[in-house]
N, C-alpha and C. Protein backbone atom coordinates (compact mmCIF):
# COMPACT_ATOMS: atom_id res chain seq x y z
N MET A 1 -7.68 -1.40 -18.50
CA MET A 1 -7.08 -1.00 -17.40
C MET A 1 -6.62 -2.37 -16.50
N VAL A 2 -5.51 -2.19 -16.17
CA VAL A 2 -4.99 -3.57 -15.28
C VAL A 2 -5.72 -3.73 -14.13
N GLN A 3 -6.01 -5.38 -13.88
CA GLN A 3 -7.06 -5.83 -12.84
C GLN A 3 -6.39 -6.31 -11.65
N THR A 4 -5.09 -6.29 -11.78
CA THR A 4 -4.29 -7.08 -10.62
C THR A 4 -3.05 -5.79 -10.37
N MET A 5 -2.35 -6.30 -9.45
CA MET A 5 -0.74 -5.23 -8.97
C MET A 5 -0.39 -6.28 -8.13
N ARG A 6 1.01 -6.29 -8.33
CA ARG A 6 1.80 -6.78 -7.10
C ARG A 6 2.03 -6.23 -6.37
N ALA A 7 1.96 -6.86 -5.02
CA ALA A 7 2.55 -6.10 -3.71
C ALA A 7 3.42 -6.79 -2.60
N VAL A 8 3.75 -5.98 -1.84
CA VAL A 8 4.56 -6.97 -0.58
C VAL A 8 3.52 -7.24 0.56
N VAL A 9 3.25 -8.22 0.99
CA VAL A 9 2.32 -8.65 1.79
C VAL A 9 3.05 -9.44 2.92
N VAL A 10 2.44 -8.90 4.18
CA VAL A 10 3.10 -9.74 5.49
C VAL A 10 1.70 -10.22 6.17
N GLU A 11 1.63 -11.77 6.30
CA GLU A 11 0.56 -12.19 6.97
C GLU A 11 0.51 -12.23 8.60
N GLY A 12 1.54 -12.53 8.76
CA GLY A 12 2.06 -12.79 10.33
C GLY A 12 2.97 -12.08 11.03
N GLU A 13 3.59 -12.10 11.84
CA GLU A 13 4.60 -11.58 12.55
C GLU A 13 5.91 -12.47 12.93
N GLY A 14 6.97 -11.61 12.53
CA GLY A 14 8.58 -12.08 12.66
C GLY A 14 9.32 -11.34 11.99
N GLY A 15 10.25 -11.88 11.30
CA GLY A 15 11.28 -11.50 10.35
C GLY A 15 11.36 -11.45 8.93
N PRO A 16 12.06 -11.12 8.23
CA PRO A 16 11.81 -10.45 6.70
C PRO A 16 11.73 -11.49 6.05
N GLU A 17 11.57 -12.80 6.54
CA GLU A 17 11.29 -14.07 5.79
C GLU A 17 9.68 -13.87 5.48
N LEU A 18 8.98 -13.32 6.30
CA LEU A 18 7.61 -12.94 6.00
C LEU A 18 7.23 -12.33 4.88
N LEU A 19 8.04 -11.47 4.18
CA LEU A 19 7.55 -10.52 3.37
C LEU A 19 7.56 -11.41 1.89
N GLN A 20 6.51 -11.30 1.49
CA GLN A 20 5.96 -12.15 0.19
C GLN A 20 5.35 -11.30 -0.91
N VAL A 21 5.57 -11.11 -2.10
CA VAL A 21 5.22 -10.77 -3.26
C VAL A 21 3.94 -11.47 -3.76
N ARG A 22 2.96 -10.97 -3.74
CA ARG A 22 1.85 -11.36 -4.41
C ARG A 22 0.89 -10.39 -5.83
N GLU A 23 0.20 -11.57 -6.39
CA GLU A 23 -0.57 -10.39 -7.02
C GLU A 23 -1.83 -10.34 -6.17
N LEU A 24 -2.24 -8.98 -6.07
CA LEU A 24 -3.46 -8.80 -5.33
C LEU A 24 -4.72 -7.95 -6.69
N LYS A 25 -6.05 -7.72 -6.37
CA LYS A 25 -6.58 -7.25 -6.95
C LYS A 25 -6.66 -5.74 -7.11
N ARG A 26 -6.53 -5.10 -7.99
CA ARG A 26 -6.41 -3.64 -8.08
C ARG A 26 -7.29 -2.75 -7.50
N PRO A 27 -6.98 -1.92 -6.48
CA PRO A 27 -8.09 -1.16 -5.82
C PRO A 27 -8.86 0.01 -6.81
N VAL A 28 -9.95 0.26 -6.42
CA VAL A 28 -10.73 0.81 -6.89
C VAL A 28 -11.05 2.18 -6.39
N ALA A 29 -10.81 3.48 -6.78
CA ALA A 29 -10.73 4.62 -6.05
C ALA A 29 -12.12 5.02 -5.60
N GLY A 30 -12.50 5.19 -4.25
CA GLY A 30 -14.00 5.76 -3.73
C GLY A 30 -13.82 7.23 -3.03
N PRO A 31 -14.74 7.54 -3.04
CA PRO A 31 -14.85 9.38 -2.87
C PRO A 31 -14.05 10.07 -2.26
N GLY A 32 -13.10 11.06 -2.94
CA GLY A 32 -11.76 11.71 -2.48
C GLY A 32 -10.78 11.02 -2.24
N GLU A 33 -10.29 9.66 -2.90
CA GLU A 33 -9.66 8.79 -2.93
C GLU A 33 -8.68 8.74 -4.29
N VAL A 34 -7.58 8.30 -4.53
CA VAL A 34 -6.94 8.16 -5.62
C VAL A 34 -6.07 6.60 -5.72
N VAL A 35 -6.18 6.18 -6.94
CA VAL A 35 -5.09 5.10 -6.99
C VAL A 35 -4.13 5.46 -8.00
N VAL A 36 -2.73 5.10 -7.06
CA VAL A 36 -1.63 5.49 -7.55
C VAL A 36 -0.86 4.41 -8.26
N LYS A 37 -0.39 4.32 -9.52
CA LYS A 37 0.75 3.69 -10.06
C LYS A 37 2.05 3.77 -9.61
N VAL A 38 2.15 2.75 -8.53
CA VAL A 38 3.69 2.92 -8.01
C VAL A 38 4.55 2.98 -9.00
N GLU A 39 5.39 3.46 -9.11
CA GLU A 39 6.93 3.45 -9.81
C GLU A 39 7.95 3.12 -9.03
N TYR A 40 8.25 3.84 -7.69
CA TYR A 40 9.10 3.37 -7.07
C TYR A 40 8.61 3.14 -5.47
N GLY A 41 8.71 2.17 -4.57
CA GLY A 41 8.50 2.22 -3.38
C GLY A 41 9.69 1.56 -2.39
N SER A 42 9.44 1.58 -1.24
CA SER A 42 10.18 0.83 -0.41
C SER A 42 9.53 0.48 0.87
N VAL A 43 10.30 -0.73 1.80
CA VAL A 43 9.87 -1.00 2.67
C VAL A 43 10.68 -0.37 3.93
N ASN A 44 9.69 0.29 4.58
CA ASN A 44 10.51 1.34 5.51
C ASN A 44 10.58 0.94 7.04
N ALA A 45 10.79 2.09 7.92
CA ALA A 45 10.96 1.33 9.35
C ALA A 45 9.72 1.05 10.36
N VAL A 46 8.85 1.54 9.40
CA VAL A 46 7.32 1.53 10.10
C VAL A 46 6.93 0.23 9.32
N ASP A 47 7.34 -0.13 8.48
CA ASP A 47 6.43 -1.66 7.55
C ASP A 47 7.23 -2.62 8.54
N ARG A 48 8.84 -2.34 9.02
CA ARG A 48 9.48 -3.41 9.81
C ARG A 48 8.67 -3.46 10.89
N ARG A 49 8.53 -2.41 11.83
CA ARG A 49 8.07 -2.38 13.01
C ARG A 49 6.78 -3.40 13.20
N VAL A 50 5.92 -2.80 11.85
CA VAL A 50 4.28 -3.75 11.99
C VAL A 50 5.09 -4.90 11.73
N ARG A 51 5.48 -5.51 10.98
CA ARG A 51 5.91 -6.98 10.55
C ARG A 51 6.38 -7.68 11.76
N GLU A 52 7.11 -7.00 12.47
CA GLU A 52 7.93 -7.65 14.12
C GLU A 52 6.57 -7.60 15.16
N GLY A 53 5.32 -6.90 14.94
CA GLY A 53 4.45 -7.30 15.76
C GLY A 53 3.64 -5.83 16.33
N TYR A 54 4.33 -4.87 16.33
CA TYR A 54 4.19 -3.71 16.98
C TYR A 54 3.11 -2.83 16.07
N LEU A 55 2.39 -1.95 16.56
CA LEU A 55 1.43 -1.01 15.89
C LEU A 55 0.26 -1.78 15.06
N ARG A 56 -0.02 -2.79 16.05
CA ARG A 56 -1.05 -3.88 15.29
C ARG A 56 -2.41 -3.19 14.92
N GLU A 57 -2.71 -1.94 15.80
CA GLU A 57 -3.81 -1.00 15.39
C GLU A 57 -3.90 -0.50 14.32
N TYR A 58 -2.74 -0.32 14.03
CA TYR A 58 -2.27 0.69 12.43
C TYR A 58 -2.39 -0.13 10.98
N ALA A 59 -2.09 -1.44 11.16
CA ALA A 59 -1.97 -2.58 10.24
C ALA A 59 -2.60 -3.79 10.53
N PRO A 60 -3.66 -4.05 10.59
CA PRO A 60 -4.28 -5.45 10.70
C PRO A 60 -3.72 -6.27 9.57
N ARG A 61 -3.91 -7.73 10.24
CA ARG A 61 -3.42 -8.47 8.93
C ARG A 61 -4.30 -9.04 7.98
N PRO A 62 -3.89 -9.54 6.65
CA PRO A 62 -2.86 -9.27 6.10
C PRO A 62 -2.55 -7.82 5.74
N TYR A 63 -1.13 -7.32 5.90
CA TYR A 63 -0.56 -6.31 5.69
C TYR A 63 0.08 -5.94 4.52
N THR A 64 -0.50 -4.93 3.58
CA THR A 64 0.53 -4.73 2.38
C THR A 64 1.36 -3.42 2.83
N ALA A 65 2.65 -3.66 2.62
CA ALA A 65 4.17 -3.09 2.92
C ALA A 65 3.82 -2.06 2.15
N GLY A 66 5.10 -0.92 2.46
CA GLY A 66 5.34 -0.05 1.25
C GLY A 66 4.33 1.42 1.39
N SER A 67 4.72 1.94 2.75
CA SER A 67 3.50 3.30 2.50
C SER A 67 4.70 4.14 1.87
N ASP A 68 6.07 4.10 1.60
CA ASP A 68 6.62 5.01 1.01
C ASP A 68 6.92 4.81 -0.44
N PHE A 69 6.42 5.43 -1.21
CA PHE A 69 6.45 5.43 -2.69
C PHE A 69 5.77 6.60 -3.65
N SER A 70 6.42 6.70 -4.71
CA SER A 70 6.17 7.46 -5.37
C SER A 70 5.23 7.16 -6.75
N GLY A 71 4.71 8.12 -7.63
CA GLY A 71 4.27 7.10 -8.98
C GLY A 71 3.21 8.01 -8.96
N VAL A 72 2.60 7.98 -10.45
CA VAL A 72 1.47 8.52 -10.92
C VAL A 72 -0.01 8.09 -10.92
N VAL A 73 -0.76 9.35 -10.10
CA VAL A 73 -2.40 8.95 -10.21
C VAL A 73 -3.05 8.46 -11.77
N GLU A 74 -3.54 7.25 -11.49
CA GLU A 74 -4.05 6.54 -12.30
C GLU A 74 -5.86 6.74 -12.31
N GLU A 75 -6.15 6.80 -11.36
CA GLU A 75 -7.70 7.34 -11.12
C GLU A 75 -8.16 8.16 -9.93
N ALA A 76 -9.02 8.79 -10.01
CA ALA A 76 -9.48 9.90 -8.95
C ALA A 76 -10.74 9.57 -8.79
N GLY A 77 -11.20 9.54 -7.42
CA GLY A 77 -12.92 9.08 -6.87
C GLY A 77 -13.42 10.62 -7.12
N ASP A 78 -14.47 10.20 -7.15
CA ASP A 78 -15.40 11.89 -7.13
C ASP A 78 -15.78 11.94 -5.96
N PRO A 79 -15.56 13.00 -5.32
CA PRO A 79 -14.99 14.04 -5.80
C PRO A 79 -13.71 14.36 -5.72
N TRP A 80 -13.19 14.55 -6.52
CA TRP A 80 -11.67 14.88 -6.46
C TRP A 80 -11.39 16.66 -6.36
N VAL A 81 -10.39 17.16 -5.47
CA VAL A 81 -10.24 18.28 -5.98
C VAL A 81 -8.60 18.57 -5.49
N GLY A 82 -7.94 19.19 -6.48
CA GLY A 82 -6.34 19.44 -6.13
C GLY A 82 -5.75 18.53 -7.58
N GLU A 83 -4.34 18.81 -7.38
CA GLU A 83 -3.42 18.33 -8.17
C GLU A 83 -2.55 17.25 -7.66
N GLU A 84 -2.54 17.23 -6.34
CA GLU A 84 -1.59 16.32 -5.29
C GLU A 84 -2.35 15.48 -4.60
N ALA A 85 -1.80 14.59 -4.38
CA ALA A 85 -2.16 13.12 -3.90
C ALA A 85 -1.11 12.99 -2.58
N HIS A 86 -1.73 12.88 -1.06
CA HIS A 86 -0.70 12.67 0.06
C HIS A 86 -1.34 11.78 1.00
N TYR A 87 -0.35 10.71 1.29
CA TYR A 87 -0.92 9.44 1.84
C TYR A 87 -0.94 10.10 3.45
N LYS A 88 -2.09 9.47 4.04
CA LYS A 88 -2.33 10.01 5.26
C LYS A 88 -2.50 8.59 6.06
């Protein structure tokens, strides 16, 4: 299994020039969690607001943007019940 992933990361607050594509360590699914291989993703209005400095309590820095996505569940933590995964 792949040990790294590419992600759009925001370190500070400001404009779109802060968006950086980085290689990060691939997460591991904890209890009741899933790891999704993202096929399609976007940087949405919430990501923009976070980057501009709003919603600090929602997303401490560094922030990984892209909360709108679709993909395939690669790993499910134990216990896992169900056939669908939803972002909270």
